[in-house]
PDB file of N, CA and C in Angstrom:
ATOM      1  N   MET A   1       0.838  -1.174   0.000  1.00  0.00           N
ATOM      2  CA  MET A   1       0.000   0.000   0.000  1.00  0.00           C
ATOM      3  C   MET A   1       0.886   1.241   0.000  1.00  0.00           C
ATOM      4  N   ILE A   2       0.706   2.117  -0.947  1.00  0.00           N
ATOM      5  CA  ILE A   2       1.443   3.373  -0.993  1.00  0.00           C
ATOM      6  C   ILE A   2       0.498   4.485  -0.581  1.00  0.00           C
ATOM      7  N   THR A   3       0.901   5.207   0.460  1.00  0.00           N
ATOM      8  CA  THR A   3       0.070   6.315   0.913  1.00  0.00           C
ATOM      9  C   THR A   3       0.644   7.603   0.372  1.00  0.00           C
ATOM     10  N   THR A   4      -0.218   8.430  -0.174  1.00  0.00           N
ATOM     11  CA  THR A   4       0.237   9.694  -0.736  1.00  0.00           C
ATOM     12  C   THR A   4      -0.714  10.797  -0.333  1.00  0.00           C
ATOM     13  N   GLY A   5      -0.212  12.003  -0.392  1.00  0.00           N
ATOM     14  CA  GLY A   5      -1.056  13.158  -0.137  1.00  0.00           C
ATOM     15  C   GLY A   5      -1.467  13.288   1.315  1.00  0.00           C
ATOM     16  N   ILE A   6      -2.318  14.275   1.574  1.00  0.00           N
ATOM     17  CA  ILE A   6      -2.763  14.586   2.923  1.00  0.00           C
ATOM     18  C   ILE A   6      -3.538  13.428   3.540  1.00  0.00           C
ATOM     19  N   SER A   7      -4.408  12.792   2.793  1.00  0.00           N
ATOM     20  CA  SER A   7      -5.188  11.682   3.358  1.00  0.00           C
ATOM     21  C   SER A   7      -4.274  10.534   3.768  1.00  0.00           C
ATOM     22  N   GLY A   8      -3.223  10.273   3.003  1.00  0.00           N
ATOM     23  CA  GLY A   8      -2.266   9.234   3.361  1.00  0.00           C
ATOM     24  C   GLY A   8      -1.523   9.557   4.639  1.00  0.00           C
ATOM     25  N   ILE A   9      -1.124  10.800   4.789  1.00  0.00           N
ATOM     26  CA  ILE A   9      -0.431  11.240   6.005  1.00  0.00           C
ATOM     27  C   ILE A   9      -1.353  11.096   7.202  1.00  0.00           C
ATOM     28  N   LYS A  10      -2.602  11.468   7.047  1.00  0.00           N
ATOM     29  CA  LYS A  10      -3.562  11.343   8.144  1.00  0.00           C
ATOM     30  C   LYS A  10      -3.757   9.885   8.534  1.00  0.00           C
ATOM     31  N   ASN A  11      -3.799   8.986   7.554  1.00  0.00           N
ATOM     32  CA  ASN A  11      -3.960   7.563   7.846  1.00  0.00           C
ATOM     33  C   ASN A  11      -2.772   7.016   8.622  1.00  0.00           C
ATOM     34  N   VAL A  12      -1.559   7.388   8.227  1.00  0.00           N
ATOM     35  CA  VAL A  12      -0.354   6.934   8.932  1.00  0.00           C
ATOM     36  C   VAL A  12      -0.344   7.498  10.342  1.00  0.00           C
ATOM     37  N   LYS A  13      -0.657   8.788  10.475  1.00  0.00           N
ATOM     38  CA  LYS A  13      -0.679   9.419  11.800  1.00  0.00           C
ATOM     39  C   LYS A  13      -1.681   8.724  12.712  1.00  0.00           C
ATOM     40  N   LYS A  14      -2.847   8.410  12.181  1.00  0.00           N
ATOM     41  CA  LYS A  14      -3.886   7.752  12.972  1.00  0.00           C
ATOM     42  C   LYS A  14      -3.412   6.387  13.465  1.00  0.00           C
ATOM     43  N   LYS A  15      -2.672   5.651  12.631  1.00  0.00           N
ATOM     44  CA  LYS A  15      -2.182   4.322  13.012  1.00  0.00           C
ATOM     45  C   LYS A  15      -1.149   4.404  14.136  1.00  0.00           C
ATOM     46  N   PHE A  16      -0.411   5.521  14.214  1.00  0.00           N
ATOM     47  CA  PHE A  16       0.655   5.657  15.199  1.00  0.00           C
ATOM     48  C   PHE A  16       0.240   6.447  16.435  1.00  0.00           C
ATOM     49  N   GLU A  17      -0.978   6.958  16.481  1.00  0.00           N
ATOM     50  CA  GLU A  17      -1.417   7.783  17.606  1.00  0.00           C
ATOM     51  C   GLU A  17      -1.352   7.056  18.942  1.00  0.00           C
ATOM     52  N   HIS A  18      -1.639   5.779  18.965  1.00  0.00           N
ATOM     53  CA  HIS A  18      -1.686   5.016  20.210  1.00  0.00           C
ATOM     54  C   HIS A  18      -0.311   4.531  20.675  1.00  0.00           C
ATOM     55  N   ILE A  19       0.711   4.721  19.890  1.00  0.00           N
ATOM     56  CA  ILE A  19       2.050   4.223  20.211  1.00  0.00           C
ATOM     57  C   ILE A  19       2.810   5.269  21.021  1.00  0.00           C
ATOM     58  N   THR A  20       3.400   4.830  22.139  1.00  0.00           N
ATOM     59  CA  THR A  20       4.182   5.732  22.978  1.00  0.00           C
ATOM     60  C   THR A  20       5.574   5.928  22.381  1.00  0.00           C
ATOM     61  N   GLU A  21       6.274   6.941  22.852  1.00  0.00           N
ATOM     62  CA  GLU A  21       7.602   7.289  22.334  1.00  0.00           C
ATOM     63  C   GLU A  21       8.593   6.129  22.409  1.00  0.00           C
ATOM     64  N   ASN A  22       8.528   5.349  23.475  1.00  0.00           N
ATOM     65  CA  ASN A  22       9.517   4.285  23.679  1.00  0.00           C
ATOM     66  C   ASN A  22       9.032   2.905  23.261  1.00  0.00           C
ATOM     67  N   GLU A  23       7.838   2.838  22.704  1.00  0.00           N
ATOM     68  CA  GLU A  23       7.316   1.562  22.213  1.00  0.00           C
ATOM     69  C   GLU A  23       7.925   1.256  20.846  1.00  0.00           C
ATOM     70  N   LYS A  24       8.263  -0.004  20.632  1.00  0.00           N
ATOM     71  CA  LYS A  24       8.894  -0.388  19.363  1.00  0.00           C
ATOM     72  C   LYS A  24       7.854  -0.626  18.278  1.00  0.00           C
ATOM     73  N   VAL A  25       8.230  -0.228  17.069  1.00  0.00           N
ATOM     74  CA  VAL A  25       7.394  -0.395  15.891  1.00  0.00           C
ATOM     75  C   VAL A  25       8.132  -1.320  14.934  1.00  0.00           C
ATOM     76  N   SER A  26       7.436  -2.263  14.375  1.00  0.00           N
ATOM     77  CA  SER A  26       8.008  -3.178  13.394  1.00  0.00           C
ATOM     78  C   SER A  26       8.276  -2.433  12.087  1.00  0.00           C
ATOM     79  N   LEU A  27       9.426  -2.686  11.481  1.00  0.00           N
ATOM     80  CA  LEU A  27       9.723  -2.068  10.188  1.00  0.00           C
ATOM     81  C   LEU A  27       8.801  -2.600   9.099  1.00  0.00           C
ATOM     82  N   ASP A  28       8.306  -3.817   9.271  1.00  0.00           N
ATOM     83  CA  ASP A  28       7.321  -4.347   8.321  1.00  0.00           C
ATOM     84  C   ASP A  28       6.050  -3.501   8.351  1.00  0.00           C
ATOM     85  N   THR A  29       5.605  -3.147   9.558  1.00  0.00           N
ATOM     86  CA  THR A  29       4.422  -2.297   9.705  1.00  0.00           C
ATOM     87  C   THR A  29       4.682  -0.919   9.135  1.00  0.00           C
ATOM     88  N   LEU A  30       5.837  -0.367   9.447  1.00  0.00           N
ATOM     89  CA  LEU A  30       6.199   0.953   8.936  1.00  0.00           C
ATOM     90  C   LEU A  30       6.249   0.946   7.412  1.00  0.00           C
ATOM     91  N   ALA A  31       6.803  -0.104   6.848  1.00  0.00           N
ATOM     92  CA  ALA A  31       6.870  -0.222   5.387  1.00  0.00           C
ATOM     93  C   ALA A  31       5.473  -0.297   4.782  1.00  0.00           C
ATOM     94  N   GLU A  32       4.606  -1.062   5.415  1.00  0.00           N
ATOM     95  CA  GLU A  32       3.235  -1.191   4.914  1.00  0.00           C
ATOM     96  C   GLU A  32       2.502   0.147   4.973  1.00  0.00           C
ATOM     97  N   LEU A  33       2.681   0.882   6.061  1.00  0.00           N
ATOM     98  CA  LEU A  33       1.977   2.153   6.231  1.00  0.00           C
ATOM     99  C   LEU A  33       2.505   3.257   5.321  1.00  0.00           C
ATOM    100  N   THR A  34       3.807   3.239   5.051  1.00  0.00           N
ATOM    101  CA  THR A  34       4.398   4.326   4.265  1.00  0.00           C
ATOM    102  C   THR A  34       4.503   4.020   2.782  1.00  0.00           C
ATOM    103  N   GLY A  35       4.498   2.734   2.442  1.00  0.00           N
ATOM    104  CA  GLY A  35       4.651   2.364   1.042  1.00  0.00           C
ATOM    105  C   GLY A  35       6.099   2.216   0.608  1.00  0.00           C
ATOM    106  N   PHE A  36       7.042   2.414   1.523  1.00  0.00           N
ATOM    107  CA  PHE A  36       8.459   2.216   1.221  1.00  0.00           C
ATOM    108  C   PHE A  36       8.853   0.795   1.597  1.00  0.00           C
ATOM    109  N   PRO A  37       9.694   0.151   0.801  1.00  0.00           N
ATOM    110  CA  PRO A  37      10.146  -1.197   1.155  1.00  0.00           C
ATOM    111  C   PRO A  37      10.934  -1.192   2.467  1.00  0.00           C
ATOM    112  N   LYS A  38      10.790  -2.254   3.231  1.00  0.00           N
ATOM    113  CA  LYS A  38      11.479  -2.381   4.516  1.00  0.00           C
ATOM    114  C   LYS A  38      12.992  -2.200   4.350  1.00  0.00           C
ATOM    115  N   GLU A  39      13.567  -2.816   3.320  1.00  0.00           N
ATOM    116  CA  GLU A  39      15.009  -2.742   3.094  1.00  0.00           C
ATOM    117  C   GLU A  39      15.451  -1.305   2.825  1.00  0.00           C
ATOM    118  N   PHE A  40      14.627  -0.550   2.114  1.00  0.00           N
ATOM    119  CA  PHE A  40      14.934   0.854   1.836  1.00  0.00           C
ATOM    120  C   PHE A  40      14.974   1.639   3.142  1.00  0.00           C
ATOM    121  N   ILE A  41      13.983   1.417   4.000  1.00  0.00           N
ATOM    122  CA  ILE A  41      13.933   2.109   5.291  1.00  0.00           C
ATOM    123  C   ILE A  41      15.165   1.762   6.108  1.00  0.00           C
ATOM    124  N   GLN A  42      15.504   0.472   6.183  1.00  0.00           N
ATOM    125  CA  GLN A  42      16.678   0.040   6.944  1.00  0.00           C
ATOM    126  C   GLN A  42      17.957   0.665   6.399  1.00  0.00           C
ATOM    127  N   ASP A  43      18.142   0.614   5.105  1.00  0.00           N
ATOM    128  CA  ASP A  43      19.362   1.136   4.490  1.00  0.00           C
ATOM    129  C   ASP A  43      19.484   2.646   4.655  1.00  0.00           C
ATOM    130  N   GLU A  44      18.429   3.362   4.342  1.00  0.00           N
ATOM    131  CA  GLU A  44      18.484   4.823   4.373  1.00  0.00           C
ATOM    132  C   GLU A  44      18.614   5.381   5.782  1.00  0.00           C
ATOM    133  N   LEU A  45      18.040   4.687   6.764  1.00  0.00           N
ATOM    134  CA  LEU A  45      18.118   5.162   8.148  1.00  0.00           C
ATOM    135  C   LEU A  45      19.251   4.498   8.922  1.00  0.00           C
ATOM    136  N   GLY A  46      19.974   3.587   8.273  1.00  0.00           N
ATOM    137  CA  GLY A  46      21.097   2.922   8.927  1.00  0.00           C
ATOM    138  C   GLY A  46      20.675   2.023  10.075  1.00  0.00           C
ATOM    139  N   LEU A  47      19.568   1.326   9.902  1.00  0.00           N
ATOM    140  CA  LEU A  47      19.035   0.483  10.966  1.00  0.00           C
ATOM    141  C   LEU A  47      19.502  -0.950  10.806  1.00  0.00           C
ATOM    142  N   ILE A  48      19.725  -1.614  11.934  1.00  0.00           N
ATOM    143  CA  ILE A  48      20.126  -3.015  11.940  1.00  0.00           C
ATOM    144  C   ILE A  48      18.951  -3.895  12.357  1.00  0.00           C
ATOM    145  N   SER A  49      18.215  -3.446  13.341  1.00  0.00           N
ATOM    146  CA  SER A  49      17.098  -4.207  13.895  1.00  0.00           C
ATOM    147  C   SER A  49      15.863  -4.134  13.001  1.00  0.00           C
ATOM    148  N   ASP A  50      14.936  -5.050  13.228  1.00  0.00           N
ATOM    149  CA  ASP A  50      13.661  -5.047  12.509  1.00  0.00           C
ATOM    150  C   ASP A  50      12.605  -4.225  13.235  1.00  0.00           C
ATOM    151  N   GLU A  51      12.995  -3.612  14.363  1.00  0.00           N
ATOM    152  CA  GLU A  51      12.082  -2.770  15.126  1.00  0.00           C
ATOM    153  C   GLU A  51      12.799  -1.491  15.526  1.00  0.00           C
ATOM    154  N   ILE A  52      12.007  -0.453  15.778  1.00  0.00           N
ATOM    155  CA  ILE A  52      12.572   0.821  16.210  1.00  0.00           C
ATOM    156  C   ILE A  52      11.537   1.538  17.063  1.00  0.00           C
ATOM    157  N   THR A  53      12.006   2.264  18.080  1.00  0.00           N
ATOM    158  CA  THR A  53      11.068   3.051  18.877  1.00  0.00           C
ATOM    159  C   THR A  53      10.656   4.275  18.072  1.00  0.00           C
ATOM    160  N   LEU A  54       9.502   4.808  18.390  1.00  0.00           N
ATOM    161  CA  LEU A  54       9.026   5.999  17.700  1.00  0.00           C
ATOM    162  C   LEU A  54      10.004   7.161  17.897  1.00  0.00           C
ATOM    163  N   LYS A  55      10.548   7.259  19.105  1.00  0.00           N
ATOM    164  CA  LYS A  55      11.522   8.318  19.409  1.00  0.00           C
ATOM    165  C   LYS A  55      12.757   8.192  18.506  1.00  0.00           C
ATOM    166  N   ASN A  56      13.302   6.985  18.392  1.00  0.00           N
ATOM    167  CA  ASN A  56      14.482   6.772  17.547  1.00  0.00           C
ATOM    168  C   ASN A  56      14.162   6.926  16.069  1.00  0.00           C
ATOM    169  N   LEU A  57      12.950   6.547  15.682  1.00  0.00           N
ATOM    170  CA  LEU A  57      12.532   6.738  14.297  1.00  0.00           C
ATOM    171  C   LEU A  57      12.540   8.221  13.946  1.00  0.00           C
ATOM    172  N   ARG A  58      12.002   9.035  14.823  1.00  0.00           N
ATOM    173  CA  ARG A  58      11.996  10.489  14.581  1.00  0.00           C
ATOM    174  C   ARG A  58      13.417  11.043  14.488  1.00  0.00           C
ATOM    175  N   MET A  59      14.283  10.615  15.413  1.00  0.00           N
ATOM    176  CA  MET A  59      15.670  11.103  15.396  1.00  0.00           C
ATOM    177  C   MET A  59      16.378  10.680  14.116  1.00  0.00           C
ATOM    178  N   ASN A  60      16.207   9.428  13.710  1.00  0.00           N
ATOM    179  CA  ASN A  60      16.848   8.936  12.489  1.00  0.00           C
ATOM    180  C   ASN A  60      16.296   9.615  11.249  1.00  0.00           C
ATOM    181  N   MET A  61      14.999   9.888  11.242  1.00  0.00           N
ATOM    182  CA  MET A  61      14.389  10.581  10.102  1.00  0.00           C
ATOM    183  C   MET A  61      14.930  12.005   9.985  1.00  0.00           C
ATOM    184  N   LEU A  62      15.092  12.695  11.114  1.00  0.00           N
ATOM    185  CA  LEU A  62      15.655  14.050  11.077  1.00  0.00           C
ATOM    186  C   LEU A  62      17.079  14.042  10.535  1.00  0.00           C
ATOM    187  N   LYS A  63      17.894  13.081  10.986  1.00  0.00           N
ATOM    188  CA  LYS A  63      19.263  12.958  10.474  1.00  0.00           C
ATOM    189  C   LYS A  63      19.254  12.703   8.974  1.00  0.00           C
ATOM    190  N   TYR A  64      18.378  11.800   8.549  1.00  0.00           N
ATOM    191  CA  TYR A  64      18.273  11.474   7.127  1.00  0.00           C
ATOM    192  C   TYR A  64      17.895  12.712   6.325  1.00  0.00           C
ATOM    193  N   LEU A  65      16.885  13.433   6.773  1.00  0.00           N
ATOM    194  CA  LEU A  65      16.438  14.630   6.052  1.00  0.00           C
ATOM    195  C   LEU A  65      17.520  15.706   6.012  1.00  0.00           C
ATOM    196  N   GLU A  66      18.248  15.869   7.112  1.00  0.00           N
ATOM    197  CA  GLU A  66      19.351  16.835   7.130  1.00  0.00           C
ATOM    198  C   GLU A  66      20.429  16.442   6.128  1.00  0.00           C
ATOM    199  N   ASN A  67      20.740  15.148   6.061  1.00  0.00           N
ATOM    200  CA  ASN A  67      21.771  14.674   5.129  1.00  0.00           C
ATOM    201  C   ASN A  67      21.372  14.860   3.672  1.00  0.00           C
ATOM    202  N   VAL A  68      20.145  14.521   3.337  1.00  0.00           N
ATOM    203  CA  VAL A  68      19.740  14.602   1.933  1.00  0.00           C
ATOM    204  C   VAL A  68      19.469  16.029   1.481  1.00  0.00           C
ATOM    205  N   THR A  69      19.132  16.913   2.404  1.00  0.00           N
ATOM    206  CA  THR A  69      18.874  18.300   2.008  1.00  0.00           C
ATOM    207  C   THR A  69      20.140  19.148   2.010  1.00  0.00           C
ATOM    208  N   SER A  70      21.199  18.675   2.666  1.00  0.00           N
ATOM    209  CA  SER A  70      22.436  19.456   2.707  1.00  0.00           C
ATOM    210  C   SER A  70      23.361  19.137   1.540  1.00  0.00           C
ATOM    211  N   ASN A  71      23.046  18.126   0.771  1.00  0.00           N
ATOM    212  CA  ASN A  71      23.896  17.739  -0.374  1.00  0.00           C
ATOM    213  C   ASN A  71      23.507  18.463  -1.624  1.00  0.00           C
TER     214      ASN A  71
END
């Protein structure tokens, strides 16, 4: 499933609303919700595990965005 546009963002946000900052999220679930392949998420964010906390996901996403926008 590939989510796009505002409605897609709202759907992803709704799925993650109940998850606390330190609760782990499966990369398979994240891949399904975002439409990006799990391997792409792992490679681009430099992840080793198949799970990540929401807090660490946010930190890794910020690093990724800073890296790709500064080049």
